[in-house]
Amino acid sequence: MEILENLDPLLRTFWFVAIPASLIFVVQTIMTFVGADSMDGLEPDFDGDLGGADAPFQLFSLRNLINFLLGFSWTGISFYTTISNKLLLVILSLAVGITFVFLFFIIIRQIQKLAEDNSFRIINTLNKTAEVYLTIPENKQGKGKIMISVNGAFHELAAMTEKDKIPSGAIVKVVRIEDNNILIVETI
């Protein structure tokens, strides 16, 4: 690395941080795209308490360290000739490194929203409003059908009422669930 020996110590430091951080970042990126960062099929066998292991975001992780070092080092290298005040350059580099970690945090949050569990659970229909699709007979003498939206998806479900007959098109509220699949509704 003869090229780096002739540089100013601060610029040399930025380069010595940028090169390994960039190489590790490239390896991490390749591993992410080919799936090598997943733990499928691996079963660790050890005793211990992994409190917080299911935390969605860890501030102190190798990936965040690399993101910080990338922002820090490449900002220092990029603005070295532009900003003559070394303290200001280091402060700006630190700020950009922290910004990289923050941006990574925001990106991960958005990606995690895509992985939300939106599977249908009948319990989620309680206290929601619905539209009667097929007439519901009075006094639980038969079943009708309602159309209800749960988690952004419409479902056609069996419903009964304990009161008067409810015609098609009426708006009802789910008050109870019986037999794990029949909704008890009443008009609003």
N, C-alpha and C. Protein backbone atom coordinates (compact mmCIF):
# COMPACT_ATOMS: atom_id res chain seq x y z
N MET A 1 0.83 -1.19 0.00
CA MET A 1 0.00 0.00 0.00
C MET A 1 0.87 1.25 0.00
N GLU A 2 1.78 1.30 -0.95
CA GLU A 2 2.69 2.45 -1.06
C GLU A 2 1.94 3.73 -1.38
N ILE A 3 0.83 3.61 -2.08
CA ILE A 3 0.06 4.79 -2.46
C ILE A 3 -0.43 5.51 -1.22
N LEU A 4 -0.88 4.76 -0.22
CA LEU A 4 -1.44 5.36 0.98
C LEU A 4 -0.38 5.92 1.92
N GLU A 5 0.88 5.48 1.81
CA GLU A 5 1.93 5.94 2.72
C GLU A 5 2.24 7.41 2.55
N ASN A 6 2.07 7.96 1.37
CA ASN A 6 2.40 9.36 1.10
C ASN A 6 1.26 10.31 1.47
N LEU A 7 0.13 9.79 1.90
CA LEU A 7 -1.03 10.64 2.20
C LEU A 7 -0.94 11.22 3.60
N ASP A 8 -1.71 12.28 3.80
CA ASP A 8 -1.86 12.88 5.13
C ASP A 8 -2.41 11.83 6.08
N PRO A 9 -2.02 11.83 7.37
CA PRO A 9 -2.48 10.79 8.30
C PRO A 9 -4.01 10.66 8.40
N LEU A 10 -4.73 11.78 8.36
CA LEU A 10 -6.19 11.71 8.45
C LEU A 10 -6.77 11.05 7.20
N LEU A 11 -6.30 11.45 6.04
CA LEU A 11 -6.80 10.86 4.80
C LEU A 11 -6.41 9.38 4.73
N ARG A 12 -5.21 9.05 5.18
CA ARG A 12 -4.77 7.65 5.21
C ARG A 12 -5.69 6.84 6.13
N THR A 13 -6.08 7.41 7.27
CA THR A 13 -6.98 6.73 8.20
C THR A 13 -8.33 6.47 7.54
N PHE A 14 -8.85 7.49 6.84
CA PHE A 14 -10.12 7.29 6.13
C PHE A 14 -10.01 6.14 5.14
N TRP A 15 -8.90 6.08 4.40
CA TRP A 15 -8.72 5.00 3.42
C TRP A 15 -8.59 3.64 4.10
N PHE A 16 -7.86 3.59 5.21
CA PHE A 16 -7.69 2.32 5.93
C PHE A 16 -9.01 1.83 6.53
N VAL A 17 -9.94 2.72 6.77
CA VAL A 17 -11.27 2.32 7.24
C VAL A 17 -12.16 1.96 6.04
N ALA A 18 -12.06 2.74 4.97
CA ALA A 18 -12.95 2.56 3.82
C ALA A 18 -12.73 1.24 3.09
N ILE A 19 -11.49 0.85 2.90
CA ILE A 19 -11.22 -0.35 2.10
C ILE A 19 -11.78 -1.61 2.75
N PRO A 20 -11.44 -1.92 4.02
CA PRO A 20 -12.02 -3.14 4.61
C PRO A 20 -13.53 -3.05 4.80
N ALA A 21 -14.04 -1.86 5.17
CA ALA A 21 -15.49 -1.72 5.36
C ALA A 21 -16.22 -1.95 4.04
N SER A 22 -15.67 -1.46 2.95
CA SER A 22 -16.30 -1.65 1.64
C SER A 22 -16.26 -3.12 1.23
N LEU A 23 -15.14 -3.78 1.46
CA LEU A 23 -15.04 -5.21 1.13
C LEU A 23 -16.04 -6.04 1.94
N ILE A 24 -16.13 -5.76 3.23
CA ILE A 24 -17.08 -6.49 4.08
C ILE A 24 -18.51 -6.20 3.63
N PHE A 25 -18.78 -4.94 3.26
CA PHE A 25 -20.12 -4.58 2.79
C PHE A 25 -20.47 -5.35 1.52
N VAL A 26 -19.53 -5.45 0.60
CA VAL A 26 -19.78 -6.19 -0.65
C VAL A 26 -20.08 -7.65 -0.33
N VAL A 27 -19.29 -8.25 0.56
CA VAL A 27 -19.52 -9.65 0.94
C VAL A 27 -20.89 -9.81 1.60
N GLN A 28 -21.24 -8.89 2.52
CA GLN A 28 -22.56 -8.95 3.17
C GLN A 28 -23.68 -8.83 2.14
N THR A 29 -23.53 -7.95 1.19
CA THR A 29 -24.56 -7.75 0.18
C THR A 29 -24.74 -9.00 -0.67
N ILE A 30 -23.63 -9.57 -1.10
CA ILE A 30 -23.71 -10.81 -1.90
C ILE A 30 -24.37 -11.92 -1.08
N MET A 31 -23.97 -12.05 0.18
CA MET A 31 -24.55 -13.09 1.04
C MET A 31 -26.04 -12.87 1.25
N THR A 32 -26.45 -11.61 1.35
CA THR A 32 -27.87 -11.31 1.53
C THR A 32 -28.66 -11.73 0.30
N PHE A 33 -28.15 -11.42 -0.90
CA PHE A 33 -28.88 -11.73 -2.12
C PHE A 33 -28.91 -13.22 -2.44
N VAL A 34 -27.90 -13.96 -2.03
CA VAL A 34 -27.91 -15.41 -2.30
C VAL A 34 -28.50 -16.18 -1.13
N GLY A 35 -28.88 -15.48 -0.07
CA GLY A 35 -29.54 -16.14 1.05
C GLY A 35 -28.61 -16.75 2.06
N ALA A 36 -27.34 -16.43 2.01
CA ALA A 36 -26.38 -17.03 2.93
C ALA A 36 -26.47 -16.44 4.33
N ASP A 37 -27.25 -15.37 4.49
CA ASP A 37 -27.38 -14.80 5.82
C ASP A 37 -28.54 -15.41 6.60
N SER A 38 -29.30 -16.31 5.97
CA SER A 38 -30.42 -16.94 6.67
C SER A 38 -29.93 -18.14 7.46
N MET A 39 -30.70 -18.54 8.44
CA MET A 39 -30.31 -19.63 9.32
C MET A 39 -31.14 -20.88 9.05
N ASP A 40 -31.72 -21.02 7.87
CA ASP A 40 -32.55 -22.18 7.57
C ASP A 40 -31.75 -23.47 7.66
N GLY A 41 -32.28 -24.41 8.42
CA GLY A 41 -31.65 -25.71 8.52
C GLY A 41 -30.56 -25.80 9.56
N LEU A 42 -30.17 -24.70 10.14
CA LEU A 42 -29.13 -24.73 11.17
C LEU A 42 -29.79 -24.75 12.54
N GLU A 43 -29.38 -25.68 13.36
CA GLU A 43 -29.95 -25.79 14.69
C GLU A 43 -28.84 -25.71 15.72
N PRO A 44 -28.63 -24.54 16.31
CA PRO A 44 -27.58 -24.44 17.32
C PRO A 44 -27.99 -25.20 18.58
N ASP A 45 -27.04 -25.84 19.22
CA ASP A 45 -27.32 -26.62 20.42
C ASP A 45 -26.49 -26.07 21.57
N PHE A 46 -27.11 -25.21 22.36
CA PHE A 46 -26.42 -24.66 23.52
C PHE A 46 -27.45 -24.23 24.54
N ASP A 47 -26.98 -24.09 25.78
CA ASP A 47 -27.84 -23.61 26.86
C ASP A 47 -27.55 -22.14 27.06
N GLY A 48 -28.59 -21.39 27.32
CA GLY A 48 -28.38 -19.98 27.57
C GLY A 48 -29.67 -19.22 27.37
N ASP A 49 -29.65 -17.99 27.83
CA ASP A 49 -30.81 -17.12 27.70
C ASP A 49 -30.54 -16.13 26.59
N LEU A 50 -31.37 -16.16 25.58
CA LEU A 50 -31.21 -15.24 24.46
C LEU A 50 -32.22 -14.11 24.57
N GLY A 51 -32.26 -13.45 25.71
CA GLY A 51 -33.20 -12.36 25.90
C GLY A 51 -32.98 -11.28 24.86
N GLY A 52 -34.02 -10.88 24.17
CA GLY A 52 -33.93 -9.85 23.15
C GLY A 52 -33.46 -10.36 21.80
N ALA A 53 -33.33 -11.66 21.65
CA ALA A 53 -32.86 -12.20 20.37
C ALA A 53 -33.89 -11.99 19.27
N ASP A 54 -35.14 -11.80 19.65
CA ASP A 54 -36.17 -11.58 18.64
C ASP A 54 -36.38 -10.09 18.36
N ALA A 55 -35.49 -9.25 18.89
CA ALA A 55 -35.60 -7.82 18.67
C ALA A 55 -35.45 -7.53 17.17
N PRO A 56 -36.32 -6.68 16.62
CA PRO A 56 -36.30 -6.45 15.19
C PRO A 56 -35.07 -5.66 14.73
N PHE A 57 -34.49 -4.87 15.59
CA PHE A 57 -33.37 -4.04 15.18
C PHE A 57 -32.40 -3.92 16.34
N GLN A 58 -31.15 -4.24 16.09
CA GLN A 58 -30.13 -4.11 17.12
C GLN A 58 -29.20 -2.99 16.70
N LEU A 59 -29.01 -2.04 17.59
CA LEU A 59 -28.17 -0.89 17.28
C LEU A 59 -26.72 -1.30 17.08
N PHE A 60 -26.23 -2.16 17.95
CA PHE A 60 -24.83 -2.58 17.87
C PHE A 60 -24.73 -3.94 17.19
N SER A 61 -24.61 -3.91 15.88
CA SER A 61 -24.46 -5.14 15.10
C SER A 61 -23.36 -4.92 14.07
N LEU A 62 -22.86 -6.00 13.52
CA LEU A 62 -21.80 -5.88 12.51
C LEU A 62 -22.30 -5.09 11.30
N ARG A 63 -23.53 -5.34 10.89
CA ARG A 63 -24.07 -4.63 9.72
C ARG A 63 -24.14 -3.13 9.98
N ASN A 64 -24.58 -2.73 11.17
CA ASN A 64 -24.65 -1.30 11.48
C ASN A 64 -23.26 -0.69 11.61
N LEU A 65 -22.32 -1.45 12.17
CA LEU A 65 -20.94 -0.96 12.26
C LEU A 65 -20.38 -0.72 10.85
N ILE A 66 -20.61 -1.64 9.96
CA ILE A 66 -20.14 -1.48 8.58
C ILE A 66 -20.82 -0.29 7.91
N ASN A 67 -22.12 -0.14 8.12
CA ASN A 67 -22.84 1.01 7.55
C ASN A 67 -22.26 2.32 8.07
N PHE A 68 -22.00 2.38 9.37
CA PHE A 68 -21.41 3.59 9.96
C PHE A 68 -20.03 3.85 9.35
N LEU A 69 -19.19 2.82 9.31
CA LEU A 69 -17.83 3.00 8.80
C LEU A 69 -17.83 3.39 7.32
N LEU A 70 -18.77 2.87 6.55
CA LEU A 70 -18.87 3.28 5.14
C LEU A 70 -19.19 4.77 5.02
N GLY A 71 -20.21 5.21 5.74
CA GLY A 71 -20.58 6.62 5.69
C GLY A 71 -19.46 7.51 6.20
N PHE A 72 -18.85 7.11 7.30
CA PHE A 72 -17.77 7.89 7.92
C PHE A 72 -16.58 8.00 6.98
N SER A 73 -16.08 6.87 6.51
CA SER A 73 -14.83 6.88 5.74
C SER A 73 -15.00 7.52 4.36
N TRP A 74 -16.05 7.17 3.65
CA TRP A 74 -16.20 7.70 2.31
C TRP A 74 -16.57 9.19 2.32
N THR A 75 -17.24 9.66 3.36
CA THR A 75 -17.48 11.10 3.48
C THR A 75 -16.16 11.81 3.72
N GLY A 76 -15.32 11.25 4.60
CA GLY A 76 -14.01 11.85 4.86
C GLY A 76 -13.15 11.91 3.61
N ILE A 77 -13.16 10.83 2.84
CA ILE A 77 -12.37 10.80 1.60
C ILE A 77 -12.93 11.78 0.58
N SER A 78 -14.25 11.81 0.44
CA SER A 78 -14.88 12.66 -0.58
C SER A 78 -14.70 14.15 -0.31
N PHE A 79 -14.77 14.55 0.95
CA PHE A 79 -14.70 15.98 1.28
C PHE A 79 -13.34 16.42 1.80
N TYR A 80 -12.34 15.56 1.71
CA TYR A 80 -11.03 15.89 2.27
C TYR A 80 -10.43 17.13 1.62
N THR A 81 -10.54 17.25 0.31
CA THR A 81 -9.96 18.42 -0.37
C THR A 81 -10.90 19.63 -0.32
N THR A 82 -12.17 19.40 -0.09
CA THR A 82 -13.14 20.49 -0.07
C THR A 82 -13.17 21.19 1.28
N ILE A 83 -13.13 20.43 2.37
CA ILE A 83 -13.21 20.99 3.72
C ILE A 83 -11.81 20.98 4.32
N SER A 84 -11.25 22.18 4.51
CA SER A 84 -9.87 22.26 5.00
C SER A 84 -9.79 22.09 6.52
N ASN A 85 -10.86 22.40 7.23
CA ASN A 85 -10.88 22.26 8.69
C ASN A 85 -11.06 20.77 9.03
N LYS A 86 -10.03 20.16 9.61
CA LYS A 86 -10.04 18.71 9.87
C LYS A 86 -11.10 18.33 10.90
N LEU A 87 -11.28 19.15 11.93
CA LEU A 87 -12.29 18.85 12.95
C LEU A 87 -13.69 18.84 12.33
N LEU A 88 -13.96 19.84 11.50
CA LEU A 88 -15.26 19.91 10.82
C LEU A 88 -15.46 18.69 9.91
N LEU A 89 -14.40 18.28 9.24
CA LEU A 89 -14.47 17.11 8.37
C LEU A 89 -14.79 15.84 9.16
N VAL A 90 -14.15 15.67 10.31
CA VAL A 90 -14.41 14.49 11.14
C VAL A 90 -15.84 14.53 11.68
N ILE A 91 -16.30 15.71 12.11
CA ILE A 91 -17.67 15.83 12.63
C ILE A 91 -18.69 15.52 11.52
N LEU A 92 -18.45 16.05 10.32
CA LEU A 92 -19.34 15.76 9.20
C LEU A 92 -19.33 14.27 8.88
N SER A 93 -18.16 13.67 8.89
CA SER A 93 -18.05 12.23 8.61
C SER A 93 -18.80 11.41 9.66
N LEU A 94 -18.67 11.79 10.93
CA LEU A 94 -19.41 11.10 12.00
C LEU A 94 -20.91 11.24 11.78
N ALA A 95 -21.35 12.46 11.43
CA ALA A 95 -22.78 12.69 11.21
C ALA A 95 -23.31 11.85 10.05
N VAL A 96 -22.55 11.76 8.97
CA VAL A 96 -22.99 10.96 7.83
C VAL A 96 -23.00 9.48 8.20
N GLY A 97 -22.01 9.02 8.97
CA GLY A 97 -21.99 7.63 9.42
C GLY A 97 -23.22 7.29 10.25
N ILE A 98 -23.57 8.19 11.16
CA ILE A 98 -24.77 7.99 11.99
C ILE A 98 -26.02 8.02 11.12
N THR A 99 -26.03 8.90 10.11
CA THR A 99 -27.17 8.97 9.19
C THR A 99 -27.32 7.66 8.42
N PHE A 100 -26.21 7.05 8.02
CA PHE A 100 -26.27 5.75 7.33
C PHE A 100 -26.95 4.71 8.21
N VAL A 101 -26.59 4.68 9.49
CA VAL A 101 -27.21 3.71 10.41
C VAL A 101 -28.70 4.00 10.54
N PHE A 102 -29.07 5.28 10.65
CA PHE A 102 -30.47 5.66 10.77
C PHE A 102 -31.25 5.28 9.51
N LEU A 103 -30.68 5.55 8.33
CA LEU A 103 -31.35 5.18 7.08
C LEU A 103 -31.53 3.67 6.97
N PHE A 104 -30.52 2.92 7.38
CA PHE A 104 -30.64 1.46 7.38
C PHE A 104 -31.77 1.02 8.30
N PHE A 105 -31.88 1.67 9.46
CA PHE A 105 -32.96 1.38 10.41
C PHE A 105 -34.33 1.61 9.75
N ILE A 106 -34.48 2.73 9.05
CA ILE A 106 -35.75 3.04 8.39
C ILE A 106 -36.06 2.01 7.30
N ILE A 107 -35.06 1.64 6.52
CA ILE A 107 -35.26 0.66 5.45
C ILE A 107 -35.68 -0.68 6.03
N ILE A 108 -35.02 -1.12 7.09
CA ILE A 108 -35.36 -2.40 7.72
C ILE A 108 -36.78 -2.35 8.27
N ARG A 109 -37.18 -1.23 8.88
CA ARG A 109 -38.55 -1.09 9.38
C ARG A 109 -39.57 -1.27 8.27
N GLN A 110 -39.32 -0.64 7.12
CA GLN A 110 -40.24 -0.73 6.00
C GLN A 110 -40.31 -2.16 5.46
N ILE A 111 -39.18 -2.83 5.41
CA ILE A 111 -39.15 -4.22 4.94
C ILE A 111 -39.91 -5.12 5.91
N GLN A 112 -39.77 -4.87 7.21
CA GLN A 112 -40.47 -5.69 8.20
C GLN A 112 -41.98 -5.52 8.10
N LYS A 113 -42.44 -4.37 7.67
CA LYS A 113 -43.88 -4.18 7.49
C LYS A 113 -44.43 -5.11 6.42
N LEU A 114 -43.59 -5.44 5.44
CA LEU A 114 -44.02 -6.36 4.39
C LEU A 114 -44.21 -7.77 4.91
N ALA A 115 -43.58 -8.08 6.03
CA ALA A 115 -43.63 -9.44 6.58
C ALA A 115 -44.69 -9.60 7.66
N GLU A 116 -45.61 -8.65 7.78
CA GLU A 116 -46.65 -8.75 8.80
C GLU A 116 -47.56 -9.94 8.52
N ASP A 117 -48.08 -10.52 9.59
CA ASP A 117 -48.99 -11.65 9.47
C ASP A 117 -50.40 -11.12 9.24
N ASN A 118 -50.90 -11.28 8.04
CA ASN A 118 -52.25 -10.83 7.71
C ASN A 118 -53.19 -12.00 7.51
N SER A 119 -52.90 -13.13 8.13
CA SER A 119 -53.78 -14.28 7.99
C SER A 119 -55.10 -13.99 8.71
N PHE A 120 -56.17 -14.57 8.18
CA PHE A 120 -57.50 -14.32 8.72
C PHE A 120 -57.72 -15.09 10.02
N ARG A 121 -58.19 -14.36 11.02
CA ARG A 121 -58.60 -14.96 12.29
C ARG A 121 -60.00 -14.44 12.59
N ILE A 122 -60.90 -15.35 12.84
CA ILE A 122 -62.30 -14.96 13.04
C ILE A 122 -62.47 -14.03 14.24
N ILE A 123 -61.58 -14.13 15.21
CA ILE A 123 -61.66 -13.26 16.39
C ILE A 123 -61.51 -11.78 16.00
N ASN A 124 -60.86 -11.51 14.88
CA ASN A 124 -60.66 -10.14 14.43
C ASN A 124 -61.93 -9.50 13.88
N THR A 125 -63.02 -10.27 13.78
CA THR A 125 -64.28 -9.72 13.29
C THR A 125 -65.10 -9.06 14.40
N LEU A 126 -64.78 -9.36 15.65
CA LEU A 126 -65.55 -8.81 16.77
C LEU A 126 -65.60 -7.29 16.73
N ASN A 127 -66.80 -6.75 16.95
CA ASN A 127 -67.07 -5.31 17.00
C ASN A 127 -66.83 -4.59 15.67
N LYS A 128 -66.69 -5.32 14.59
CA LYS A 128 -66.55 -4.70 13.27
C LYS A 128 -67.91 -4.65 12.59
N THR A 129 -68.04 -3.71 11.67
CA THR A 129 -69.28 -3.61 10.91
C THR A 129 -69.16 -4.42 9.62
N ALA A 130 -70.32 -4.85 9.12
CA ALA A 130 -70.35 -5.66 7.92
C ALA A 130 -71.65 -5.38 7.18
N GLU A 131 -71.73 -5.86 5.94
CA GLU A 131 -72.95 -5.73 5.15
C GLU A 131 -73.56 -7.12 4.98
N VAL A 132 -74.87 -7.19 5.19
CA VAL A 132 -75.57 -8.46 5.04
C VAL A 132 -75.62 -8.81 3.55
N TYR A 133 -75.15 -10.01 3.23
CA TYR A 133 -75.08 -10.48 1.85
C TYR A 133 -76.30 -11.34 1.52
N LEU A 134 -76.62 -12.29 2.41
CA LEU A 134 -77.85 -13.09 2.31
C LEU A 134 -78.65 -12.84 3.58
N THR A 135 -79.95 -12.66 3.43
CA THR A 135 -80.83 -12.34 4.55
C THR A 135 -80.59 -13.26 5.74
N ILE A 136 -80.55 -12.65 6.93
CA ILE A 136 -80.33 -13.41 8.16
C ILE A 136 -81.68 -13.59 8.86
N PRO A 137 -82.14 -14.85 9.03
CA PRO A 137 -83.43 -15.11 9.69
C PRO A 137 -83.42 -14.65 11.15
N GLU A 138 -84.63 -14.37 11.67
CA GLU A 138 -84.75 -13.88 13.05
C GLU A 138 -84.53 -14.99 14.07
N ASN A 139 -84.25 -14.58 15.30
CA ASN A 139 -84.17 -15.45 16.49
C ASN A 139 -83.30 -16.71 16.29
N LYS A 140 -82.23 -16.60 15.60
CA LYS A 140 -81.28 -17.70 15.38
C LYS A 140 -81.95 -18.93 14.75
N GLN A 141 -82.94 -18.70 13.88
CA GLN A 141 -83.65 -19.80 13.23
C GLN A 141 -82.94 -20.28 11.97
N GLY A 142 -81.92 -19.60 11.56
CA GLY A 142 -81.17 -19.99 10.37
C GLY A 142 -79.98 -19.07 10.18
N LYS A 143 -79.18 -19.41 9.19
CA LYS A 143 -77.98 -18.62 8.94
C LYS A 143 -78.14 -17.78 7.68
N GLY A 144 -77.54 -16.63 7.74
CA GLY A 144 -77.40 -15.78 6.57
C GLY A 144 -75.91 -15.58 6.31
N LYS A 145 -75.61 -14.66 5.43
CA LYS A 145 -74.20 -14.39 5.12
C LYS A 145 -73.95 -12.89 5.22
N ILE A 146 -72.74 -12.57 5.67
CA ILE A 146 -72.32 -11.17 5.71
C ILE A 146 -71.00 -11.04 4.97
N MET A 147 -70.74 -9.83 4.47
CA MET A 147 -69.45 -9.48 3.87
C MET A 147 -68.76 -8.55 4.85
N ILE A 148 -67.56 -8.95 5.29
CA ILE A 148 -66.84 -8.17 6.29
C ILE A 148 -65.39 -8.00 5.86
N SER A 149 -64.84 -6.85 6.14
CA SER A 149 -63.44 -6.57 5.80
C SER A 149 -62.57 -6.74 7.04
N VAL A 150 -61.58 -7.63 6.93
CA VAL A 150 -60.63 -7.85 8.02
C VAL A 150 -59.23 -7.76 7.43
N ASN A 151 -58.42 -6.89 7.98
CA ASN A 151 -57.04 -6.67 7.50
C ASN A 151 -57.01 -6.33 6.01
N GLY A 152 -57.99 -5.58 5.54
CA GLY A 152 -58.00 -5.14 4.16
C GLY A 152 -58.53 -6.15 3.16
N ALA A 153 -58.98 -7.32 3.62
CA ALA A 153 -59.52 -8.34 2.71
C ALA A 153 -60.97 -8.62 3.08
N PHE A 154 -61.82 -8.79 2.07
CA PHE A 154 -63.23 -9.09 2.32
C PHE A 154 -63.44 -10.59 2.48
N HIS A 155 -64.32 -10.93 3.43
CA HIS A 155 -64.65 -12.34 3.70
C HIS A 155 -66.16 -12.49 3.75
N GLU A 156 -66.67 -13.58 3.19
CA GLU A 156 -68.08 -13.92 3.27
C GLU A 156 -68.22 -14.96 4.36
N LEU A 157 -68.93 -14.61 5.44
CA LEU A 157 -69.02 -15.49 6.61
C LEU A 157 -70.47 -15.74 7.01
N ALA A 158 -70.70 -16.88 7.64
CA ALA A 158 -72.04 -17.23 8.14
C ALA A 158 -72.36 -16.37 9.35
N ALA A 159 -73.62 -15.94 9.43
CA ALA A 159 -74.03 -15.09 10.54
C ALA A 159 -75.46 -15.41 10.96
N MET A 160 -75.73 -15.16 12.25
CA MET A 160 -77.08 -15.32 12.81
C MET A 160 -77.37 -14.09 13.65
N THR A 161 -78.66 -13.91 13.96
CA THR A 161 -79.05 -12.82 14.84
C THR A 161 -80.03 -13.34 15.88
N GLU A 162 -80.04 -12.72 17.04
CA GLU A 162 -80.96 -13.10 18.11
C GLU A 162 -82.21 -12.23 18.09
N LYS A 163 -82.26 -11.27 17.19
CA LYS A 163 -83.37 -10.33 17.12
C LYS A 163 -84.15 -10.55 15.83
N ASP A 164 -84.71 -9.46 15.29
CA ASP A 164 -85.53 -9.53 14.08
C ASP A 164 -84.70 -9.87 12.85
N LYS A 165 -85.42 -10.32 11.81
CA LYS A 165 -84.81 -10.67 10.53
C LYS A 165 -84.06 -9.45 9.97
N ILE A 166 -82.88 -9.72 9.38
CA ILE A 166 -82.07 -8.63 8.82
C ILE A 166 -81.97 -8.85 7.31
N PRO A 167 -82.47 -7.88 6.52
CA PRO A 167 -82.48 -8.05 5.06
C PRO A 167 -81.10 -7.82 4.44
N SER A 168 -80.96 -8.29 3.20
CA SER A 168 -79.72 -8.06 2.45
C SER A 168 -79.45 -6.57 2.30
N GLY A 169 -78.19 -6.20 2.37
CA GLY A 169 -77.81 -4.81 2.21
C GLY A 169 -77.76 -4.03 3.52
N ALA A 170 -78.31 -4.59 4.61
CA ALA A 170 -78.29 -3.89 5.90
C ALA A 170 -76.87 -3.90 6.47
N ILE A 171 -76.58 -2.89 7.26
CA ILE A 171 -75.29 -2.81 7.93
C ILE A 171 -75.45 -3.34 9.35
N VAL A 172 -74.56 -4.26 9.72
CA VAL A 172 -74.64 -4.90 11.04
C VAL A 172 -73.29 -4.81 11.75
N LYS A 173 -73.34 -5.13 13.04
CA LYS A 173 -72.13 -5.16 13.86
C LYS A 173 -72.00 -6.55 14.45
N VAL A 174 -70.79 -7.10 14.43
CA VAL A 174 -70.53 -8.42 15.01
C VAL A 174 -70.41 -8.25 16.52
N VAL A 175 -71.27 -8.96 17.27
CA VAL A 175 -71.25 -8.83 18.73
C VAL A 175 -70.66 -10.05 19.44
N ARG A 176 -70.67 -11.19 18.76
CA ARG A 176 -70.20 -12.42 19.40
C ARG A 176 -69.84 -13.46 18.34
N ILE A 177 -69.09 -14.48 18.76
CA ILE A 177 -68.76 -15.60 17.88
C ILE A 177 -69.22 -16.87 18.58
N GLU A 178 -69.98 -17.70 17.87
CA GLU A 178 -70.45 -18.98 18.43
C GLU A 178 -69.89 -20.13 17.60
N ASP A 179 -69.60 -21.23 18.26
CA ASP A 179 -69.11 -22.45 17.62
C ASP A 179 -67.87 -22.20 16.75
N ASN A 180 -67.10 -21.21 17.11
CA ASN A 180 -65.84 -20.87 16.44
C ASN A 180 -65.97 -20.46 14.98
N ASN A 181 -67.19 -20.38 14.44
CA ASN A 181 -67.29 -19.96 13.04
C ASN A 181 -68.60 -19.27 12.67
N ILE A 182 -69.51 -19.10 13.61
CA ILE A 182 -70.77 -18.41 13.31
C ILE A 182 -70.77 -17.08 14.05
N LEU A 183 -70.97 -16.02 13.31
CA LEU A 183 -70.98 -14.68 13.89
C LEU A 183 -72.39 -14.32 14.31
N ILE A 184 -72.52 -13.79 15.51
CA ILE A 184 -73.80 -13.26 15.98
C ILE A 184 -73.74 -11.75 15.76
N VAL A 185 -74.73 -11.25 14.99
CA VAL A 185 -74.71 -9.85 14.60
C VAL A 185 -76.00 -9.17 15.04
N GLU A 186 -75.94 -7.85 15.04
CA GLU A 186 -77.15 -7.05 15.27
C GLU A 186 -77.07 -5.80 14.41
N THR A 187 -78.23 -5.25 14.08
CA THR A 187 -78.26 -4.07 13.23
C THR A 187 -77.73 -2.86 13.99
N ILE A 188 -77.22 -1.95 13.22
CA ILE A 188 -76.67 -0.73 13.84
C ILE A 188 -77.74 0.33 13.86
